[in-house]
């Protein structure tokens, strides 16, 4: 029963993570809905596009890594991996949205 819940948790986190990244990529573009791009992009931590994509990537990576074999060590590994991938994907989506 617990293994089935892990599989469901992993599947849901992957689906939600991918949807958040896709949403940030699509709607975060400054040209979306006939908008205009600002001269200077917003600061990194104030940018909703970056934040949404980073949270999506963290869900995409962190939850499956932890739930594959839950332990305190796996939690630390998942947190590090989620932070690194979240930063990388967030920057990539932000770059494409502000170009």
PDB file of N, CA and C in Angstrom:
ATOM      1  N   UNK A   1       0.816  -1.192   0.000  1.00  0.00           N
ATOM      2  CA  UNK A   1       0.000   0.000   0.000  1.00  0.00           C
ATOM      3  C   UNK A   1       0.862   1.259   0.000  1.00  0.00           C
ATOM      4  N   UNK A   2       1.912   1.242   0.820  1.00  0.00           N
ATOM      5  CA  UNK A   2       2.790   2.412   0.900  1.00  0.00           C
ATOM      6  C   UNK A   2       3.547   2.623  -0.407  1.00  0.00           C
ATOM      7  N   UNK A   3       3.931   1.539  -1.069  1.00  0.00           N
ATOM      8  CA  UNK A   3       4.625   1.667  -2.350  1.00  0.00           C
ATOM      9  C   UNK A   3       3.720   2.284  -3.405  1.00  0.00           C
ATOM     10  N   UNK A   4       2.446   1.953  -3.386  1.00  0.00           N
ATOM     11  CA  UNK A   4       1.495   2.547  -4.330  1.00  0.00           C
ATOM     12  C   UNK A   4       1.333   4.035  -4.097  1.00  0.00           C
ATOM     13  N   UNK A   5       1.332   4.432  -2.833  1.00  0.00           N
ATOM     14  CA  UNK A   5       1.230   5.862  -2.514  1.00  0.00           C
ATOM     15  C   UNK A   5       2.470   6.612  -2.987  1.00  0.00           C
ATOM     16  N   UNK A   6       3.632   5.980  -2.889  1.00  0.00           N
ATOM     17  CA  UNK A   6       4.865   6.608  -3.395  1.00  0.00           C
ATOM     18  C   UNK A   6       4.783   6.824  -4.901  1.00  0.00           C
ATOM     19  N   UNK A   7       4.310   5.813  -5.607  1.00  0.00           N
ATOM     20  CA  UNK A   7       4.202   5.916  -7.061  1.00  0.00           C
ATOM     21  C   UNK A   7       3.240   7.035  -7.443  1.00  0.00           C
ATOM     22  N   UNK A   8       2.122   7.112  -6.752  1.00  0.00           N
ATOM     23  CA  UNK A   8       1.155   8.181  -7.018  1.00  0.00           C
ATOM     24  C   UNK A   8       1.780   9.534  -6.702  1.00  0.00           C
ATOM     25  N   UNK A   9       2.472   9.634  -5.574  1.00  0.00           N
ATOM     26  CA  UNK A   9       3.130  10.886  -5.209  1.00  0.00           C
ATOM     27  C   UNK A   9       4.164  11.319  -6.223  1.00  0.00           C
ATOM     28  N   UNK A  10       4.943  10.372  -6.698  1.00  0.00           N
ATOM     29  CA  UNK A  10       5.949  10.684  -7.721  1.00  0.00           C
ATOM     30  C   UNK A  10       5.265  11.135  -9.012  1.00  0.00           C
ATOM     31  N   UNK A  11       4.245  10.423  -9.436  1.00  0.00           N
ATOM     32  CA  UNK A  11       3.536  10.790 -10.667  1.00  0.00           C
ATOM     33  C   UNK A  11       2.890  12.154 -10.585  1.00  0.00           C
ATOM     34  N   UNK A  12       2.252  12.457  -9.459  1.00  0.00           N
ATOM     35  CA  UNK A  12       1.601  13.752  -9.291  1.00  0.00           C
ATOM     36  C   UNK A  12       2.632  14.870  -9.266  1.00  0.00           C
ATOM     37  N   UNK A  13       3.744  14.675  -8.561  1.00  0.00           N
ATOM     38  CA  UNK A  13       4.751  15.738  -8.499  1.00  0.00           C
ATOM     39  C   UNK A  13       5.393  15.986  -9.864  1.00  0.00           C
ATOM     40  N   UNK A  14       5.605  14.953 -10.631  1.00  0.00           N
ATOM     41  CA  UNK A  14       6.158  15.130 -11.979  1.00  0.00           C
ATOM     42  C   UNK A  14       5.161  15.887 -12.857  1.00  0.00           C
ATOM     43  N   UNK A  15       3.883  15.499 -12.798  1.00  0.00           N
ATOM     44  CA  UNK A  15       2.869  16.173 -13.622  1.00  0.00           C
ATOM     45  C   UNK A  15       2.724  17.644 -13.231  1.00  0.00           C
ATOM     46  N   UNK A  16       2.652  17.927 -11.942  1.00  0.00           N
ATOM     47  CA  UNK A  16       2.509  19.314 -11.488  1.00  0.00           C
ATOM     48  C   UNK A  16       3.755  20.122 -11.828  1.00  0.00           C
ATOM     49  N   UNK A  17       4.921  19.528 -11.637  1.00  0.00           N
ATOM     50  CA  UNK A  17       6.165  20.226 -11.971  1.00  0.00           C
ATOM     51  C   UNK A  17       6.246  20.586 -13.445  1.00  0.00           C
ATOM     52  N   UNK A  18       5.923  19.644 -14.309  1.00  0.00           N
ATOM     53  CA  UNK A  18       5.939  19.924 -15.745  1.00  0.00           C
ATOM     54  C   UNK A  18       4.913  20.977 -16.136  1.00  0.00           C
ATOM     55  N   UNK A  19       3.730  20.924 -15.515  1.00  0.00           N
ATOM     56  CA  UNK A  19       2.705  21.927 -15.825  1.00  0.00           C
ATOM     57  C   UNK A  19       3.145  23.321 -15.379  1.00  0.00           C
ATOM     58  N   UNK A  20       3.793  23.429 -14.223  1.00  0.00           N
ATOM     59  CA  UNK A  20       4.264  24.736 -13.767  1.00  0.00           C
ATOM     60  C   UNK A  20       5.345  25.303 -14.685  1.00  0.00           C
ATOM     61  N   UNK A  21       6.261  24.454 -15.123  1.00  0.00           N
ATOM     62  CA  UNK A  21       7.310  24.915 -16.035  1.00  0.00           C
ATOM     63  C   UNK A  21       6.701  25.357 -17.359  1.00  0.00           C
ATOM     64  N   UNK A  22       5.787  24.570 -17.887  1.00  0.00           N
ATOM     65  CA  UNK A  22       5.123  24.926 -19.149  1.00  0.00           C
ATOM     66  C   UNK A  22       4.317  26.217 -18.997  1.00  0.00           C
ATOM     67  N   UNK A  23       3.626  26.376 -17.882  1.00  0.00           N
ATOM     68  CA  UNK A  23       2.867  27.598 -17.633  1.00  0.00           C
ATOM     69  C   UNK A  23       3.792  28.810 -17.568  1.00  0.00           C
ATOM     70  N   UNK A  24       4.894  28.683 -16.851  1.00  0.00           N
ATOM     71  CA  UNK A  24       5.833  29.800 -16.746  1.00  0.00           C
ATOM     72  C   UNK A  24       6.439  30.133 -18.102  1.00  0.00           C
ATOM     73  N   UNK A  25       6.746  29.116 -18.884  1.00  0.00           N
ATOM     74  CA  UNK A  25       7.339  29.339 -20.200  1.00  0.00           C
ATOM     75  C   UNK A  25       6.342  30.018 -21.142  1.00  0.00           C
ATOM     76  N   UNK A  26       5.082  29.589 -21.086  1.00  0.00           N
ATOM     77  CA  UNK A  26       4.067  30.109 -22.001  1.00  0.00           C
ATOM     78  C   UNK A  26       3.578  31.491 -21.591  1.00  0.00           C
ATOM     79  N   UNK A  27       3.140  31.618 -20.370  1.00  0.00           N
ATOM     80  CA  UNK A  27       2.522  32.854 -19.913  1.00  0.00           C
ATOM     81  C   UNK A  27       3.569  33.870 -19.453  1.00  0.00           C
ATOM     82  N   UNK A  28       4.748  33.414 -19.092  1.00  0.00           N
ATOM     83  CA  UNK A  28       5.776  34.316 -18.601  1.00  0.00           C
ATOM     84  C   UNK A  28       6.450  35.130 -19.675  1.00  0.00           C
ATOM     85  N   UNK A  29       6.232  34.797 -20.927  1.00  0.00           N
ATOM     86  CA  UNK A  29       6.845  35.551 -22.022  1.00  0.00           C
ATOM     87  C   UNK A  29       6.301  36.970 -22.022  1.00  0.00           C
ATOM     88  N   UNK A  30       7.191  37.940 -22.100  1.00  0.00           N
ATOM     89  CA  UNK A  30       6.734  39.330 -22.018  1.00  0.00           C
ATOM     90  C   UNK A  30       5.905  39.732 -23.238  1.00  0.00           C
ATOM     91  N   UNK A  31       5.951  38.987 -24.319  1.00  0.00           N
ATOM     92  CA  UNK A  31       5.127  39.274 -25.488  1.00  0.00           C
ATOM     93  C   UNK A  31       3.777  38.570 -25.438  1.00  0.00           C
ATOM     94  N   UNK A  32       3.521  37.813 -24.375  1.00  0.00           N
ATOM     95  CA  UNK A  32       2.269  37.074 -24.243  1.00  0.00           C
ATOM     96  C   UNK A  32       1.106  38.067 -24.180  1.00  0.00           C
ATOM     97  N   UNK A  33       0.032  37.788 -24.893  1.00  0.00           N
ATOM     98  CA  UNK A  33      -1.192  38.597 -24.911  1.00  0.00           C
ATOM     99  C   UNK A  33      -0.912  40.039 -25.304  1.00  0.00           C
ATOM    100  N   UNK A  34      -0.102  40.222 -26.324  1.00  0.00           N
ATOM    101  CA  UNK A  34       0.207  41.532 -26.900  1.00  0.00           C
ATOM    102  C   UNK A  34       0.874  42.472 -25.900  1.00  0.00           C
ATOM    103  N   UNK A  35       1.622  41.908 -24.971  1.00  0.00           N
ATOM    104  CA  UNK A  35       2.346  42.736 -24.013  1.00  0.00           C
ATOM    105  C   UNK A  35       3.640  43.265 -24.607  1.00  0.00           C
ATOM    106  N   UNK A  36       4.269  44.153 -23.880  1.00  0.00           N
ATOM    107  CA  UNK A  36       5.548  44.698 -24.319  1.00  0.00           C
ATOM    108  C   UNK A  36       6.622  44.314 -23.312  1.00  0.00           C
ATOM    109  N   UNK A  37       7.811  44.040 -23.800  1.00  0.00           N
ATOM    110  CA  UNK A  37       8.919  43.681 -22.929  1.00  0.00           C
ATOM    111  C   UNK A  37       9.493  44.945 -22.290  1.00  0.00           C
ATOM    112  N   UNK A  38       9.738  44.930 -20.973  1.00  0.00           N
ATOM    113  CA  UNK A  38      10.350  46.087 -20.341  1.00  0.00           C
ATOM    114  C   UNK A  38      11.816  46.216 -20.765  1.00  0.00           C
ATOM    115  N   UNK A  39      12.329  47.411 -20.625  1.00  0.00           N
ATOM    116  CA  UNK A  39      13.727  47.636 -20.993  1.00  0.00           C
ATOM    117  C   UNK A  39      14.643  46.759 -20.142  1.00  0.00           C
ATOM    118  N   UNK A  40      14.429  46.771 -18.851  1.00  0.00           N
ATOM    119  CA  UNK A  40      15.222  45.955 -17.929  1.00  0.00           C
ATOM    120  C   UNK A  40      14.317  44.893 -17.313  1.00  0.00           C
ATOM    121  N   UNK A  41      14.741  43.637 -17.323  1.00  0.00           N
ATOM    122  CA  UNK A  41      13.915  42.598 -16.695  1.00  0.00           C
ATOM    123  C   UNK A  41      13.860  42.826 -15.183  1.00  0.00           C
ATOM    124  N   UNK A  42      12.819  42.307 -14.518  1.00  0.00           N
ATOM    125  CA  UNK A  42      12.716  42.488 -13.067  1.00  0.00           C
ATOM    126  C   UNK A  42      13.855  41.762 -12.345  1.00  0.00           C
ATOM    127  N   UNK A  43      14.128  42.155 -11.110  1.00  0.00           N
ATOM    128  CA  UNK A  43      15.153  41.438 -10.339  1.00  0.00           C
ATOM    129  C   UNK A  43      14.807  39.948 -10.235  1.00  0.00           C
ATOM    130  N   UNK A  44      15.823  39.140 -10.108  1.00  0.00           N
ATOM    131  CA  UNK A  44      15.653  37.684 -10.148  1.00  0.00           C
ATOM    132  C   UNK A  44      14.619  37.181  -9.139  1.00  0.00           C
ATOM    133  N   UNK A  45      14.715  37.574  -7.885  1.00  0.00           N
ATOM    134  CA  UNK A  45      13.822  37.036  -6.858  1.00  0.00           C
ATOM    135  C   UNK A  45      12.450  37.696  -6.873  1.00  0.00           C
ATOM    136  N   UNK A  46      12.278  38.722  -7.722  1.00  0.00           N
ATOM    137  CA  UNK A  46      10.979  39.381  -7.854  1.00  0.00           C
ATOM    138  C   UNK A  46      10.290  38.962  -9.155  1.00  0.00           C
ATOM    139  N   UNK A  47      10.904  38.048  -9.885  1.00  0.00           N
ATOM    140  CA  UNK A  47      10.402  37.620 -11.187  1.00  0.00           C
ATOM    141  C   UNK A  47       9.504  36.398 -11.020  1.00  0.00           C
ATOM    142  N   UNK A  48       8.215  36.567 -11.319  1.00  0.00           N
ATOM    143  CA  UNK A  48       7.265  35.468 -11.183  1.00  0.00           C
ATOM    144  C   UNK A  48       7.538  34.318 -12.133  1.00  0.00           C
ATOM    145  N   UNK A  49       8.060  34.630 -13.307  1.00  0.00           N
ATOM    146  CA  UNK A  49       8.387  33.583 -14.270  1.00  0.00           C
ATOM    147  C   UNK A  49       9.476  32.677 -13.712  1.00  0.00           C
ATOM    148  N   UNK A  50      10.523  33.279 -13.167  1.00  0.00           N
ATOM    149  CA  UNK A  50      11.611  32.501 -12.563  1.00  0.00           C
ATOM    150  C   UNK A  50      11.092  31.660 -11.408  1.00  0.00           C
ATOM    151  N   UNK A  51      10.314  32.265 -10.521  1.00  0.00           N
ATOM    152  CA  UNK A  51       9.822  31.545  -9.345  1.00  0.00           C
ATOM    153  C   UNK A  51       8.928  30.374  -9.691  1.00  0.00           C
ATOM    154  N   UNK A  52       8.029  30.569 -10.626  1.00  0.00           N
ATOM    155  CA  UNK A  52       7.119  29.490 -11.018  1.00  0.00           C
ATOM    156  C   UNK A  52       7.880  28.336 -11.653  1.00  0.00           C
ATOM    157  N   UNK A  53       8.817  28.657 -12.548  1.00  0.00           N
ATOM    158  CA  UNK A  53       9.602  27.606 -13.194  1.00  0.00           C
ATOM    159  C   UNK A  53      10.517  26.901 -12.193  1.00  0.00           C
ATOM    160  N   UNK A  54      11.085  27.642 -11.261  1.00  0.00           N
ATOM    161  CA  UNK A  54      11.973  27.037 -10.267  1.00  0.00           C
ATOM    162  C   UNK A  54      11.213  26.094  -9.339  1.00  0.00           C
ATOM    163  N   UNK A  55      10.036  26.486  -8.913  1.00  0.00           N
ATOM    164  CA  UNK A  55       9.220  25.611  -8.050  1.00  0.00           C
ATOM    165  C   UNK A  55       8.795  24.366  -8.826  1.00  0.00           C
ATOM    166  N   UNK A  56       8.417  24.547 -10.089  1.00  0.00           N
ATOM    167  CA  UNK A  56       8.053  23.392 -10.913  1.00  0.00           C
ATOM    168  C   UNK A  56       9.200  22.419 -11.079  1.00  0.00           C
ATOM    169  N   UNK A  57      10.395  22.941 -11.320  1.00  0.00           N
ATOM    170  CA  UNK A  57      11.563  22.071 -11.483  1.00  0.00           C
ATOM    171  C   UNK A  57      11.928  21.391 -10.166  1.00  0.00           C
ATOM    172  N   UNK A  58      11.775  22.111  -9.060  1.00  0.00           N
ATOM    173  CA  UNK A  58      12.056  21.502  -7.755  1.00  0.00           C
ATOM    174  C   UNK A  58      11.094  20.355  -7.472  1.00  0.00           C
ATOM    175  N   UNK A  59       9.829  20.536  -7.812  1.00  0.00           N
ATOM    176  CA  UNK A  59       8.865  19.447  -7.661  1.00  0.00           C
ATOM    177  C   UNK A  59       9.181  18.283  -8.599  1.00  0.00           C
ATOM    178  N   UNK A  60       9.594  18.623  -9.789  1.00  0.00           N
ATOM    179  CA  UNK A  60       9.900  17.613 -10.802  1.00  0.00           C
ATOM    180  C   UNK A  60      11.046  16.708 -10.371  1.00  0.00           C
ATOM    181  N   UNK A  61      12.020  17.271  -9.664  1.00  0.00           N
ATOM    182  CA  UNK A  61      13.209  16.508  -9.290  1.00  0.00           C
ATOM    183  C   UNK A  61      13.198  16.080  -7.824  1.00  0.00           C
ATOM    184  N   UNK A  62      12.901  17.003  -6.923  1.00  0.00           N
ATOM    185  CA  UNK A  62      13.058  16.744  -5.500  1.00  0.00           C
ATOM    186  C   UNK A  62      12.166  15.660  -4.943  1.00  0.00           C
ATOM    187  N   UNK A  63      10.891  15.721  -5.252  1.00  0.00           N
ATOM    188  CA  UNK A  63       9.944  14.750  -4.687  1.00  0.00           C
ATOM    189  C   UNK A  63      10.234  13.323  -5.167  1.00  0.00           C
ATOM    190  N   UNK A  64      10.444  13.096  -6.472  1.00  0.00           N
ATOM    191  CA  UNK A  64      10.759  11.719  -6.891  1.00  0.00           C
ATOM    192  C   UNK A  64      12.064  11.178  -6.295  1.00  0.00           C
ATOM    193  N   UNK A  65      13.080  12.042  -6.168  1.00  0.00           N
ATOM    194  CA  UNK A  65      14.341  11.579  -5.576  1.00  0.00           C
ATOM    195  C   UNK A  65      14.122  11.148  -4.130  1.00  0.00           C
ATOM    196  N   UNK A  66      13.367  11.940  -3.371  1.00  0.00           N
ATOM    197  CA  UNK A  66      13.117  11.587  -1.975  1.00  0.00           C
ATOM    198  C   UNK A  66      12.207  10.372  -1.849  1.00  0.00           C
ATOM    199  N   UNK A  67      11.127  10.344  -2.613  1.00  0.00           N
ATOM    200  CA  UNK A  67      10.154   9.261  -2.453  1.00  0.00           C
ATOM    201  C   UNK A  67      10.638   7.921  -3.004  1.00  0.00           C
ATOM    202  N   UNK A  68      11.691   7.922  -3.802  1.00  0.00           N
ATOM    203  CA  UNK A  68      12.181   6.642  -4.316  1.00  0.00           C
ATOM    204  C   UNK A  68      12.672   5.747  -3.173  1.00  0.00           C
ATOM    205  N   UNK A  69      13.340   6.321  -2.191  1.00  0.00           N
ATOM    206  CA  UNK A  69      13.764   5.599  -0.977  1.00  0.00           C
ATOM    207  C   UNK A  69      13.855   6.603   0.165  1.00  0.00           C
ATOM    208  N   UNK A  70      12.749   6.901   0.823  1.00  0.00           N
ATOM    209  CA  UNK A  70      12.735   7.954   1.840  1.00  0.00           C
ATOM    210  C   UNK A  70      13.691   7.672   3.008  1.00  0.00           C
ATOM    211  N   UNK A  71      14.503   8.654   3.328  1.00  0.00           N
ATOM    212  CA  UNK A  71      15.383   8.629   4.497  1.00  0.00           C
ATOM    213  C   UNK A  71      15.865  10.059   4.715  1.00  0.00           C
ATOM    214  N   UNK A  72      16.511  10.294   5.848  1.00  0.00           N
ATOM    215  CA  UNK A  72      17.029  11.648   6.098  1.00  0.00           C
ATOM    216  C   UNK A  72      18.128  11.993   5.104  1.00  0.00           C
ATOM    217  N   UNK A  73      18.944  11.016   4.755  1.00  0.00           N
ATOM    218  CA  UNK A  73      20.009  11.250   3.780  1.00  0.00           C
ATOM    219  C   UNK A  73      19.419  11.583   2.411  1.00  0.00           C
ATOM    220  N   UNK A  74      18.389  10.845   2.023  1.00  0.00           N
ATOM    221  CA  UNK A  74      17.724  11.101   0.736  1.00  0.00           C
ATOM    222  C   UNK A  74      17.050  12.469   0.720  1.00  0.00           C
ATOM    223  N   UNK A  75      16.542  12.912   1.869  1.00  0.00           N
ATOM    224  CA  UNK A  75      15.944  14.237   1.959  1.00  0.00           C
ATOM    225  C   UNK A  75      16.972  15.321   1.673  1.00  0.00           C
ATOM    226  N   UNK A  76      18.172  15.169   2.225  1.00  0.00           N
ATOM    227  CA  UNK A  76      19.243  16.136   1.968  1.00  0.00           C
ATOM    228  C   UNK A  76      19.662  16.119   0.501  1.00  0.00           C
ATOM    229  N   UNK A  77      19.782  14.933  -0.070  1.00  0.00           N
ATOM    230  CA  UNK A  77      20.144  14.813  -1.487  1.00  0.00           C
ATOM    231  C   UNK A  77      19.054  15.431  -2.366  1.00  0.00           C
ATOM    232  N   UNK A  78      17.799  15.139  -2.044  1.00  0.00           N
ATOM    233  CA  UNK A  78      16.681  15.682  -2.828  1.00  0.00           C
ATOM    234  C   UNK A  78      16.621  17.196  -2.728  1.00  0.00           C
ATOM    235  N   UNK A  79      16.875  17.748  -1.549  1.00  0.00           N
ATOM    236  CA  UNK A  79      16.848  19.210  -1.383  1.00  0.00           C
ATOM    237  C   UNK A  79      17.950  19.866  -2.201  1.00  0.00           C
ATOM    238  N   UNK A  80      19.132  19.297  -2.185  1.00  0.00           N
ATOM    239  CA  UNK A  80      20.231  19.849  -2.991  1.00  0.00           C
ATOM    240  C   UNK A  80      19.961  19.751  -4.478  1.00  0.00           C
ATOM    241  N   UNK A  81      19.477  18.601  -4.903  1.00  0.00           N
ATOM    242  CA  UNK A  81      19.169  18.420  -6.325  1.00  0.00           C
ATOM    243  C   UNK A  81      18.046  19.342  -6.773  1.00  0.00           C
ATOM    244  N   UNK A  82      17.009  19.477  -5.941  1.00  0.00           N
ATOM    245  CA  UNK A  82      15.873  20.336  -6.284  1.00  0.00           C
ATOM    246  C   UNK A  82      16.305  21.794  -6.378  1.00  0.00           C
ATOM    247  N   UNK A  83      17.155  22.231  -5.456  1.00  0.00           N
ATOM    248  CA  UNK A  83      17.627  23.622  -5.491  1.00  0.00           C
ATOM    249  C   UNK A  83      18.468  23.889  -6.734  1.00  0.00           C
ATOM    250  N   UNK A  84      19.364  22.980  -7.054  1.00  0.00           N
ATOM    251  CA  UNK A  84      20.216  23.161  -8.235  1.00  0.00           C
ATOM    252  C   UNK A  84      19.431  23.153  -9.535  1.00  0.00           C
ATOM    253  N   UNK A  85      18.572  22.178  -9.694  1.00  0.00           N
ATOM    254  CA  UNK A  85      17.781  22.081 -10.922  1.00  0.00           C
ATOM    255  C   UNK A  85      16.769  23.218 -10.998  1.00  0.00           C
ATOM    256  N   UNK A  86      16.182  23.587  -9.858  1.00  0.00           N
ATOM    257  CA  UNK A  86      15.238  24.700  -9.840  1.00  0.00           C
ATOM    258  C   UNK A  86      15.890  25.999 -10.281  1.00  0.00           C
ATOM    259  N   UNK A  87      17.090  26.257  -9.800  1.00  0.00           N
ATOM    260  CA  UNK A  87      17.813  27.461 -10.206  1.00  0.00           C
ATOM    261  C   UNK A  87      18.134  27.432 -11.698  1.00  0.00           C
ATOM    262  N   UNK A  88      18.610  26.307 -12.179  1.00  0.00           N
ATOM    263  CA  UNK A  88      18.980  26.185 -13.593  1.00  0.00           C
ATOM    264  C   UNK A  88      17.764  26.343 -14.514  1.00  0.00           C
ATOM    265  N   UNK A  89      16.703  25.614 -14.255  1.00  0.00           N
ATOM    266  CA  UNK A  89      15.497  25.694 -15.094  1.00  0.00           C
ATOM    267  C   UNK A  89      14.859  27.070 -14.973  1.00  0.00           C
ATOM    268  N   UNK A  90      14.818  27.614 -13.766  1.00  0.00           N
ATOM    269  CA  UNK A  90      14.259  28.950 -13.574  1.00  0.00           C
ATOM    270  C   UNK A  90      14.996  30.000 -14.384  1.00  0.00           C
ATOM    271  N   UNK A  91      16.316  29.922 -14.385  1.00  0.00           N
ATOM    272  CA  UNK A  91      17.107  30.884 -15.175  1.00  0.00           C
ATOM    273  C   UNK A  91      16.895  30.694 -16.675  1.00  0.00           C
ATOM    274  N   UNK A  92      16.789  29.441 -17.104  1.00  0.00           N
ATOM    275  CA  UNK A  92      16.570  29.187 -18.535  1.00  0.00           C
ATOM    276  C   UNK A  92      15.221  29.716 -18.991  1.00  0.00           C
ATOM    277  N   UNK A  93      14.166  29.484 -18.236  1.00  0.00           N
ATOM    278  CA  UNK A  93      12.835  29.950 -18.602  1.00  0.00           C
ATOM    279  C   UNK A  93      12.782  31.467 -18.533  1.00  0.00           C
ATOM    280  N   UNK A  94      13.398  32.044 -17.515  1.00  0.00           N
ATOM    281  CA  UNK A  94      13.437  33.514 -17.386  1.00  0.00           C
ATOM    282  C   UNK A  94      14.167  34.145 -18.570  1.00  0.00           C
ATOM    283  N   UNK A  95      15.255  33.515 -18.974  1.00  0.00           N
ATOM    284  CA  UNK A  95      16.032  34.033 -20.119  1.00  0.00           C
ATOM    285  C   UNK A  95      15.212  34.006 -21.392  1.00  0.00           C
ATOM    286  N   UNK A  96      14.486  32.918 -21.614  1.00  0.00           N
ATOM    287  CA  UNK A  96      13.689  32.824 -22.837  1.00  0.00           C
ATOM    288  C   UNK A  96      12.485  33.761 -22.788  1.00  0.00           C
ATOM    289  N   UNK A  97      11.961  34.037 -21.595  1.00  0.00           N
ATOM    290  CA  UNK A  97      10.785  34.917 -21.481  1.00  0.00           C
ATOM    291  C   UNK A  97      11.163  36.386 -21.684  1.00  0.00           C
ATOM    292  N   UNK A  98      12.362  36.771 -21.333  1.00  0.00           N
ATOM    293  CA  UNK A  98      12.767  38.169 -21.412  1.00  0.00           C
ATOM    294  C   UNK A  98      13.633  38.468 -22.634  1.00  0.00           C
ATOM    295  N   UNK A  99      13.576  37.594 -23.622  1.00  0.00           N
ATOM    296  CA  UNK A  99      14.401  37.853 -24.819  1.00  0.00           C
ATOM    297  C   UNK A  99      13.570  38.401 -25.952  1.00  0.00           C
TER     298      UNK A  99
END
